[in-house]
Amino acid sequence: MGPNKIVSGMYALMMAVFSIGLLSNRKSGVNKTLLIVVLIFNLYVLLVSGSRTSYVGILVFLSFLLSLKPQDLFFSL
């Protein structure tokens, strides 16, 4: 990864958040199987990157997601 692990970690975090947003959108014309594969790949890259900033970003996003309406996300899949 090199000395700058933040770049790959934050890019993977942004793509994972974007994928979750598209998965939760019922009118999205994007293939859901492809989105799930992209989401799993980006979460793997986040774990491998070892960036503490990305880990904090995951925690902030998950707390924000769960504080809103998590049942809307899970029932839309």
N, C-alpha and C. Protein backbone atom coordinates (compact mmCIF):
# COMPACT_ATOMS: atom_id res chain seq x y z
N MET A 1 0.80 -1.19 0.00
CA MET A 1 0.00 0.00 0.00
C MET A 1 0.86 1.27 0.00
N GLY A 2 2.01 1.20 0.56
CA GLY A 2 2.85 2.39 0.58
C GLY A 2 2.62 3.23 1.82
N PRO A 3 3.25 4.38 1.86
CA PRO A 3 3.14 5.21 3.05
C PRO A 3 1.81 5.96 3.16
N ASN A 4 1.07 6.08 2.05
CA ASN A 4 -0.16 6.86 2.06
C ASN A 4 -1.37 5.94 1.97
N LYS A 5 -1.70 5.30 3.09
CA LYS A 5 -2.81 4.34 3.12
C LYS A 5 -4.16 5.03 3.19
N ILE A 6 -4.16 6.30 3.53
CA ILE A 6 -5.43 7.01 3.70
C ILE A 6 -6.17 7.12 2.37
N VAL A 7 -5.44 7.30 1.28
CA VAL A 7 -6.08 7.50 -0.02
C VAL A 7 -6.90 6.28 -0.42
N SER A 8 -6.31 5.10 -0.36
CA SER A 8 -7.06 3.91 -0.77
C SER A 8 -8.19 3.61 0.21
N GLY A 9 -7.97 3.83 1.49
CA GLY A 9 -9.01 3.58 2.49
C GLY A 9 -10.19 4.52 2.35
N MET A 10 -9.93 5.80 2.15
CA MET A 10 -11.03 6.76 2.03
C MET A 10 -11.78 6.59 0.71
N TYR A 11 -11.05 6.23 -0.35
CA TYR A 11 -11.72 5.96 -1.63
C TYR A 11 -12.66 4.76 -1.49
N ALA A 12 -12.19 3.72 -0.83
CA ALA A 12 -13.02 2.53 -0.62
C ALA A 12 -14.22 2.87 0.26
N LEU A 13 -14.02 3.73 1.25
CA LEU A 13 -15.13 4.14 2.12
C LEU A 13 -16.19 4.91 1.33
N MET A 14 -15.75 5.83 0.47
CA MET A 14 -16.70 6.59 -0.33
C MET A 14 -17.47 5.68 -1.29
N MET A 15 -16.79 4.72 -1.89
CA MET A 15 -17.47 3.80 -2.80
C MET A 15 -18.43 2.88 -2.04
N ALA A 16 -18.07 2.47 -0.83
CA ALA A 16 -18.96 1.62 -0.03
C ALA A 16 -20.22 2.40 0.37
N VAL A 17 -20.06 3.65 0.76
CA VAL A 17 -21.22 4.48 1.13
C VAL A 17 -22.11 4.70 -0.09
N PHE A 18 -21.50 4.97 -1.23
CA PHE A 18 -22.26 5.15 -2.47
C PHE A 18 -23.00 3.87 -2.84
N SER A 19 -22.38 2.72 -2.67
CA SER A 19 -23.03 1.44 -2.97
C SER A 19 -24.21 1.18 -2.04
N ILE A 20 -24.04 1.49 -0.76
CA ILE A 20 -25.14 1.33 0.19
C ILE A 20 -26.29 2.25 -0.18
N GLY A 21 -25.97 3.46 -0.60
CA GLY A 21 -27.01 4.40 -1.02
C GLY A 21 -27.77 3.90 -2.23
N LEU A 22 -27.06 3.34 -3.20
CA LEU A 22 -27.75 2.80 -4.38
C LEU A 22 -28.55 1.55 -4.04
N LEU A 23 -28.05 0.74 -3.11
CA LEU A 23 -28.81 -0.44 -2.70
C LEU A 23 -30.11 -0.06 -2.00
N SER A 24 -30.08 1.01 -1.24
CA SER A 24 -31.27 1.40 -0.50
C SER A 24 -32.28 2.15 -1.37
N ASN A 25 -31.87 2.59 -2.55
CA ASN A 25 -32.76 3.30 -3.46
C ASN A 25 -33.55 2.27 -4.25
N ARG A 26 -34.85 2.32 -4.14
CA ARG A 26 -35.70 1.32 -4.81
C ARG A 26 -35.82 1.57 -6.30
N LYS A 27 -35.64 2.80 -6.73
CA LYS A 27 -35.81 3.14 -8.14
C LYS A 27 -34.51 3.06 -8.93
N SER A 28 -33.44 2.62 -8.29
CA SER A 28 -32.15 2.53 -8.97
C SER A 28 -32.18 1.43 -10.02
N GLY A 29 -31.64 1.74 -11.19
CA GLY A 29 -31.63 0.77 -12.26
C GLY A 29 -30.34 -0.05 -12.29
N VAL A 30 -29.55 0.04 -11.24
CA VAL A 30 -28.27 -0.65 -11.21
C VAL A 30 -28.48 -2.08 -10.72
N ASN A 31 -27.74 -3.01 -11.26
CA ASN A 31 -27.84 -4.42 -10.88
C ASN A 31 -27.45 -4.59 -9.41
N LYS A 32 -28.33 -5.16 -8.62
CA LYS A 32 -28.10 -5.30 -7.18
C LYS A 32 -26.97 -6.29 -6.88
N THR A 33 -26.83 -7.31 -7.69
CA THR A 33 -25.74 -8.27 -7.49
C THR A 33 -24.39 -7.59 -7.66
N LEU A 34 -24.27 -6.74 -8.67
CA LEU A 34 -23.04 -6.00 -8.90
C LEU A 34 -22.75 -5.06 -7.73
N LEU A 35 -23.77 -4.41 -7.21
CA LEU A 35 -23.59 -3.50 -6.08
C LEU A 35 -23.12 -4.25 -4.84
N ILE A 36 -23.64 -5.44 -4.61
CA ILE A 36 -23.23 -6.22 -3.45
C ILE A 36 -21.78 -6.66 -3.60
N VAL A 37 -21.38 -7.05 -4.80
CA VAL A 37 -19.99 -7.43 -5.04
C VAL A 37 -19.06 -6.24 -4.82
N VAL A 38 -19.45 -5.08 -5.33
CA VAL A 38 -18.64 -3.86 -5.14
C VAL A 38 -18.55 -3.51 -3.66
N LEU A 39 -19.65 -3.64 -2.94
CA LEU A 39 -19.66 -3.33 -1.51
C LEU A 39 -18.74 -4.27 -0.74
N ILE A 40 -18.80 -5.56 -1.02
CA ILE A 40 -17.94 -6.53 -0.33
C ILE A 40 -16.46 -6.26 -0.65
N PHE A 41 -16.17 -5.97 -1.92
CA PHE A 41 -14.79 -5.67 -2.30
C PHE A 41 -14.27 -4.43 -1.59
N ASN A 42 -15.09 -3.38 -1.52
CA ASN A 42 -14.66 -2.15 -0.87
C ASN A 42 -14.49 -2.33 0.64
N LEU A 43 -15.33 -3.12 1.26
CA LEU A 43 -15.15 -3.39 2.69
C LEU A 43 -13.88 -4.19 2.94
N TYR A 44 -13.54 -5.09 2.02
CA TYR A 44 -12.29 -5.83 2.12
C TYR A 44 -11.09 -4.88 1.99
N VAL A 45 -11.15 -3.97 1.04
CA VAL A 45 -10.06 -3.00 0.86
C VAL A 45 -9.94 -2.11 2.09
N LEU A 46 -11.06 -1.76 2.69
CA LEU A 46 -11.01 -0.95 3.92
C LEU A 46 -10.29 -1.69 5.04
N LEU A 47 -10.57 -2.95 5.18
CA LEU A 47 -9.92 -3.72 6.24
C LEU A 47 -8.44 -3.92 5.96
N VAL A 48 -8.09 -4.14 4.70
CA VAL A 48 -6.70 -4.38 4.34
C VAL A 48 -5.87 -3.09 4.39
N SER A 49 -6.50 -1.96 4.12
CA SER A 49 -5.75 -0.70 4.05
C SER A 49 -5.10 -0.34 5.38
N GLY A 50 -5.75 -0.64 6.48
CA GLY A 50 -5.17 -0.34 7.79
C GLY A 50 -5.16 1.13 8.14
N SER A 51 -5.98 1.92 7.49
CA SER A 51 -6.03 3.35 7.74
C SER A 51 -6.96 3.63 8.92
N ARG A 52 -6.42 4.24 9.95
CA ARG A 52 -7.25 4.57 11.12
C ARG A 52 -8.32 5.59 10.77
N THR A 53 -8.02 6.47 9.84
CA THR A 53 -9.01 7.45 9.41
C THR A 53 -10.20 6.77 8.76
N SER A 54 -9.94 5.75 7.97
CA SER A 54 -11.02 5.00 7.34
C SER A 54 -11.85 4.25 8.36
N TYR A 55 -11.20 3.70 9.38
CA TYR A 55 -11.94 3.00 10.44
C TYR A 55 -12.87 3.96 11.18
N VAL A 56 -12.39 5.17 11.45
CA VAL A 56 -13.24 6.17 12.10
C VAL A 56 -14.38 6.56 11.17
N GLY A 57 -14.09 6.67 9.88
CA GLY A 57 -15.14 6.99 8.91
C GLY A 57 -16.22 5.93 8.87
N ILE A 58 -15.82 4.66 8.97
CA ILE A 58 -16.80 3.57 9.01
C ILE A 58 -17.69 3.69 10.24
N LEU A 59 -17.07 3.95 11.38
CA LEU A 59 -17.85 4.08 12.62
C LEU A 59 -18.82 5.26 12.56
N VAL A 60 -18.37 6.38 12.03
CA VAL A 60 -19.24 7.56 11.92
C VAL A 60 -20.39 7.27 10.96
N PHE A 61 -20.09 6.64 9.83
CA PHE A 61 -21.16 6.34 8.87
C PHE A 61 -22.16 5.34 9.44
N LEU A 62 -21.68 4.29 10.09
CA LEU A 62 -22.59 3.31 10.66
C LEU A 62 -23.46 3.90 11.77
N SER A 63 -22.88 4.75 12.59
CA SER A 63 -23.69 5.39 13.64
C SER A 63 -24.73 6.32 13.02
N PHE A 64 -24.36 7.02 11.95
CA PHE A 64 -25.32 7.88 11.26
C PHE A 64 -26.41 7.05 10.60
N LEU A 65 -26.02 5.96 9.96
CA LEU A 65 -26.98 5.10 9.27
C LEU A 65 -27.96 4.46 10.26
N LEU A 66 -27.46 3.98 11.37
CA LEU A 66 -28.32 3.31 12.35
C LEU A 66 -29.16 4.30 13.16
N SER A 67 -28.76 5.56 13.20
CA SER A 67 -29.55 6.55 13.95
C SER A 67 -30.75 7.03 13.15
N LEU A 68 -30.73 6.87 11.84
CA LEU A 68 -31.86 7.32 11.03
C LEU A 68 -32.97 6.29 11.05
N LYS A 69 -33.10 5.54 9.99
CA LYS A 69 -34.13 4.50 9.91
C LYS A 69 -33.51 3.26 9.30
N PRO A 70 -32.91 2.41 10.10
CA PRO A 70 -32.25 1.23 9.51
C PRO A 70 -33.22 0.23 8.91
N GLN A 71 -34.48 0.21 9.36
CA GLN A 71 -35.42 -0.74 8.80
C GLN A 71 -35.72 -0.42 7.34
N ASP A 72 -35.64 0.85 6.95
CA ASP A 72 -35.86 1.20 5.55
C ASP A 72 -34.77 0.62 4.65
N LEU A 73 -33.55 0.58 5.16
CA LEU A 73 -32.45 0.04 4.38
C LEU A 73 -32.61 -1.45 4.19
N PHE A 74 -32.91 -2.17 5.24
CA PHE A 74 -32.95 -3.62 5.15
C PHE A 74 -34.19 -4.14 4.44
N PHE A 75 -35.30 -3.44 4.52
CA PHE A 75 -36.50 -3.92 3.87
C PHE A 75 -36.53 -3.54 2.39
N SER A 76 -35.69 -2.63 1.97
CA SER A 76 -35.68 -2.25 0.55
C SER A 76 -34.89 -3.22 -0.29
N LEU A 77 -34.05 -4.07 0.35
CA LEU A 77 -33.27 -5.02 -0.42
C LEU A 77 -34.18 -6.13 -0.87
